[in-house]
Amino acid sequence: MKKSVFISFSLVMFVVLSAFSVHKFYVSIYQIQYAQEKKMLQITSRIFVDDLNTVLKRKYNKKTFLGEPNESQEDVALMEKYLLEHISIKINGHAKPIRYLSKEMEGNVLICYYNSKDISKIKSFEIQNTALLELSEDQQNIVQTTIYGKKQNLLMTTDNVKGLLNF
């Protein structure tokens, strides 16, 4: 119950504070929904764009301009590379590729869309998410799943980068 309240509180704070250009906490949200009829996972991430630009500069030693008018295709390619290196999933114990689709800005939050196809049945769902964890010890990646209509949440931190759900 405490974990559920904490995650709900974090989500509300993320939404409220995402309207401001400066934030004092580090959280990103990943929503994962299983579309059984399409045999695919649909994934949406919400990440503060300034954090993403900062981590990309540190990792690749190149200033990026995600969410700005002078954003380049190279900036987007670096973002895609970084995120796909830091997020992985396993279905029924087998690694599944994640495909980046697109992105959009909402205030100072970058929303990215991905999918993973050819998933006919889920008995277990495992995720590893290390995105932005090197940026701050306070970084939290909240993973909200809806699989077979059942909603479950996972919290990824520097101390806990993996989560497993069984069905």
Protein backbone atom coordinates (compact mmCIF):
# COMPACT_ATOMS: atom_id res chain seq x y z
CA MET A 1 0.00 0.00 0.00
CA LYS A 2 2.82 2.42 0.88
CA LYS A 3 4.48 1.76 -2.48
CA SER A 4 1.21 2.39 -4.33
CA VAL A 5 0.65 5.68 -2.47
CA PHE A 6 4.25 6.72 -3.13
CA ILE A 7 3.98 5.96 -6.84
CA SER A 8 0.66 7.81 -7.09
CA PHE A 9 2.12 10.79 -5.25
CA SER A 10 5.20 10.76 -7.52
CA LEU A 11 3.00 10.69 -10.61
CA VAL A 12 0.91 13.64 -9.39
CA MET A 13 4.05 15.62 -8.52
CA PHE A 14 5.54 14.83 -11.93
CA VAL A 15 2.47 16.14 -13.74
CA VAL A 16 2.17 19.25 -11.54
CA LEU A 17 5.83 20.17 -11.72
CA SER A 18 6.24 19.34 -15.40
CA ALA A 19 4.68 22.72 -16.18
CA PHE A 20 7.70 24.46 -14.66
CA SER A 21 10.98 24.82 -16.49
CA VAL A 22 13.12 23.90 -13.47
CA HIS A 23 12.50 20.81 -11.40
CA LYS A 24 14.08 19.61 -8.18
CA PHE A 25 13.33 15.93 -8.41
CA TYR A 26 14.25 13.31 -10.94
CA VAL A 27 11.50 11.04 -12.20
CA SER A 28 10.43 9.59 -15.50
CA ILE A 29 7.37 7.55 -16.29
CA TYR A 30 7.05 4.57 -18.62
CA GLN A 31 3.58 3.30 -19.49
CA ILE A 32 3.44 -0.18 -21.01
CA GLN A 33 0.21 -1.62 -22.35
CA TYR A 34 -0.27 -5.05 -23.85
CA ALA A 35 -2.48 -4.94 -26.95
CA GLN A 36 -3.36 -8.61 -27.10
CA GLU A 37 -5.27 -8.38 -30.39
CA LYS A 38 -2.20 -6.79 -32.05
CA LYS A 39 0.25 -9.10 -30.21
CA MET A 40 2.33 -6.11 -29.18
CA LEU A 41 3.46 -4.01 -26.26
CA GLN A 42 2.80 -0.30 -26.69
CA ILE A 43 5.27 1.78 -24.67
CA THR A 44 5.19 5.48 -23.84
CA SER A 45 7.90 7.29 -21.89
CA ARG A 46 7.73 10.73 -20.29
CA ILE A 47 11.11 12.26 -19.49
CA PHE A 48 12.16 15.78 -18.54
CA VAL A 49 13.89 17.01 -21.69
CA ASP A 50 16.60 18.94 -19.83
CA ASP A 51 17.64 15.75 -18.01
CA LEU A 52 17.82 13.88 -21.30
CA ASN A 53 19.90 16.61 -22.96
CA THR A 54 22.24 16.62 -19.93
CA VAL A 55 22.75 12.86 -19.91
CA LEU A 56 23.33 12.78 -23.68
CA LYS A 57 26.00 15.47 -23.38
CA ARG A 58 27.75 13.54 -20.61
CA LYS A 59 27.58 10.19 -22.40
CA TYR A 60 28.35 11.24 -25.97
CA ASN A 61 30.27 14.48 -25.30
CA LYS A 62 27.94 16.35 -27.65
CA LYS A 63 25.45 19.07 -26.81
CA THR A 64 21.96 18.14 -27.97
CA PHE A 65 18.94 20.35 -28.47
CA LEU A 66 16.01 17.99 -27.97
CA GLY A 67 12.76 19.92 -27.70
CA GLU A 68 14.29 23.11 -29.11
CA PRO A 69 13.87 24.72 -32.54
CA ASN A 70 17.45 23.81 -33.50
CA GLU A 71 16.97 20.11 -32.71
CA SER A 72 18.71 17.94 -35.30
CA GLN A 73 18.17 14.42 -36.62
CA GLU A 74 21.49 13.53 -34.98
CA ASP A 75 20.09 14.68 -31.62
CA VAL A 76 17.07 12.42 -32.08
CA ALA A 77 19.29 9.52 -33.17
CA LEU A 78 21.46 9.90 -30.05
CA MET A 79 18.34 10.00 -27.87
CA GLU A 80 16.96 6.87 -29.51
CA LYS A 81 20.32 5.08 -29.17
CA TYR A 82 20.64 6.04 -25.51
CA LEU A 83 17.11 5.05 -24.52
CA LEU A 84 17.19 1.72 -26.36
CA GLU A 85 20.54 0.90 -24.70
CA HIS A 86 19.06 1.59 -21.26
CA ILE A 87 15.65 -0.08 -21.50
CA SER A 88 15.20 -3.76 -22.17
CA ILE A 89 12.36 -6.23 -21.78
CA LYS A 90 11.99 -9.98 -21.60
CA ILE A 91 8.77 -11.81 -22.25
CA ASN A 92 8.58 -15.33 -20.85
CA GLY A 93 12.34 -15.17 -20.25
CA HIS A 94 13.20 -14.16 -23.82
CA ALA A 95 14.58 -10.74 -24.78
CA LYS A 96 12.29 -8.79 -27.09
CA PRO A 97 13.43 -5.91 -29.30
CA ILE A 98 11.96 -2.48 -28.64
CA ARG A 99 11.35 -0.23 -31.63
CA TYR A 100 11.35 3.56 -31.32
CA LEU A 101 8.45 5.13 -33.24
CA SER A 102 8.21 8.86 -32.57
CA LYS A 103 8.29 11.66 -30.02
CA GLU A 104 6.52 14.87 -29.09
CA MET A 105 6.96 17.66 -26.55
CA GLU A 106 4.49 18.57 -23.82
CA GLY A 107 5.78 21.53 -21.84
CA ASN A 108 9.27 20.51 -20.74
CA VAL A 109 8.52 16.80 -20.97
CA LEU A 110 9.59 14.69 -23.94
CA ILE A 111 7.07 11.94 -24.72
CA CYS A 112 8.44 9.02 -26.72
CA TYR A 113 6.52 6.16 -28.29
CA TYR A 114 7.83 2.62 -28.84
CA ASN A 115 6.50 -0.87 -29.43
CA SER A 116 7.56 -4.48 -29.25
CA LYS A 117 5.82 -6.89 -31.63
CA ASP A 118 5.16 -10.62 -32.00
CA ILE A 119 4.07 -11.22 -28.42
CA SER A 120 1.30 -13.79 -28.49
CA LYS A 121 1.10 -14.61 -24.78
CA ILE A 122 2.67 -13.19 -21.64
CA LYS A 123 3.40 -15.45 -18.70
CA SER A 124 6.20 -13.27 -17.32
CA PHE A 125 7.24 -9.71 -18.05
CA GLU A 126 10.69 -8.47 -17.03
CA ILE A 127 12.02 -4.98 -17.54
CA GLN A 128 15.39 -3.41 -16.92
CA ASN A 129 15.48 0.37 -16.96
CA THR A 130 18.70 2.27 -16.23
CA ALA A 131 17.79 5.44 -18.16
CA LEU A 132 19.05 8.61 -16.48
CA LEU A 133 20.26 6.73 -13.38
CA GLU A 134 23.81 7.97 -13.98
CA LEU A 135 22.50 11.54 -13.90
CA SER A 136 21.34 11.57 -10.28
CA GLU A 137 21.17 9.15 -7.36
CA ASP A 138 17.63 10.47 -6.83
CA GLN A 139 16.42 9.40 -10.29
CA GLN A 140 13.34 7.21 -10.26
CA ASN A 141 11.84 5.47 -13.27
CA ILE A 142 8.23 4.55 -12.65
CA VAL A 143 6.95 1.74 -14.87
CA GLN A 144 3.17 1.43 -15.13
CA THR A 145 1.94 -1.71 -16.86
CA THR A 146 -1.45 -2.83 -18.08
CA ILE A 147 -1.28 -6.47 -19.12
CA TYR A 148 -4.46 -8.53 -19.55
CA GLY A 149 -6.35 -5.62 -17.99
CA LYS A 150 -4.32 -5.85 -14.78
CA LYS A 151 -2.51 -2.66 -13.76
CA GLN A 152 0.78 -3.00 -11.90
CA ASN A 153 3.57 -0.57 -11.10
CA LEU A 154 7.31 -1.01 -10.72
CA LEU A 155 9.83 1.49 -9.36
CA MET A 156 13.34 1.51 -10.82
CA THR A 157 16.13 3.25 -8.90
CA THR A 158 19.92 3.01 -8.74
CA ASP A 159 19.44 0.22 -6.18
CA ASN A 160 16.76 -1.62 -8.17
CA VAL A 161 17.03 -1.53 -11.97
CA LYS A 162 14.92 -4.63 -12.76
CA GLY A 163 11.35 -5.67 -12.22
CA LEU A 164 9.49 -8.91 -12.84
CA LEU A 165 5.75 -9.51 -13.14
CA ASN A 166 4.15 -12.93 -13.51
CA PHE A 167 0.77 -13.73 -15.04
